[in-house]
Amino acid sequence: MRSRVLFAAALLLALAMQAPISGAADSIGEVEKELSSTLMEMESVRGELDRLEELAAFPRATGIRIEIHRKETAAAPVRSRLLVQGTVEDEREWSAGDRESFSGRISIPLVIQLPWLPGAYPARLELFHPSWKTPVAAEFRLQVRTGEIGTVRLTLVQSPRKTAPSLLQAEEPAR
């Protein structure tokens, strides 16, 4: 981009140098004025090119990431459903490998990652398992900013007195 500006400057300077020079004292003053106005025009063109470069830049990813962590002996969900503003946005069945990694000694979280528009949205995540009578659900607020991935961390906790676990939102560290 800078090479184009320099090329344009050299071209304008060459055109200015080709102007007929009638008197030495008058022509130097006129050339200085012409050069000054040319430089001002170049600065305005450079500013406009920089603005266009910013507009044409590729936007950074914007989306949501929901992590489901396990605590203690909670069974891995077989299926999940994400509702945003009451509409089903994502529904998936977790593979045997995902469930095994989630239930292993070193638990790897289940992750839902989707592209999303910036804003704040009410959301609900439902998890299903054949041994649970009703789906386990958590309601939370998705907060998505331009160029960022909004992350929500949930923890699946098995209560010793209940047959179905609870899904709790993890506390976010203070920034």
Foldseek 3Di string as FASTA:
>chain_A
DVVVLVVVLVVQLVVLVPPDDDDDVVSVVVSVVSNVVSVVVSVVVVVVVVVVCVVPDDFAFWWEKEWEAEDDQAQFFQKKFKAWQNHTDDIDGDDPVQRCCCRDPNHDTDMDIDGDDADKIKMKMWTHDPQDPGTAMDIDIFGIDTNDYTYWYWYWYQDPVDRGTHIGTDDDDDD
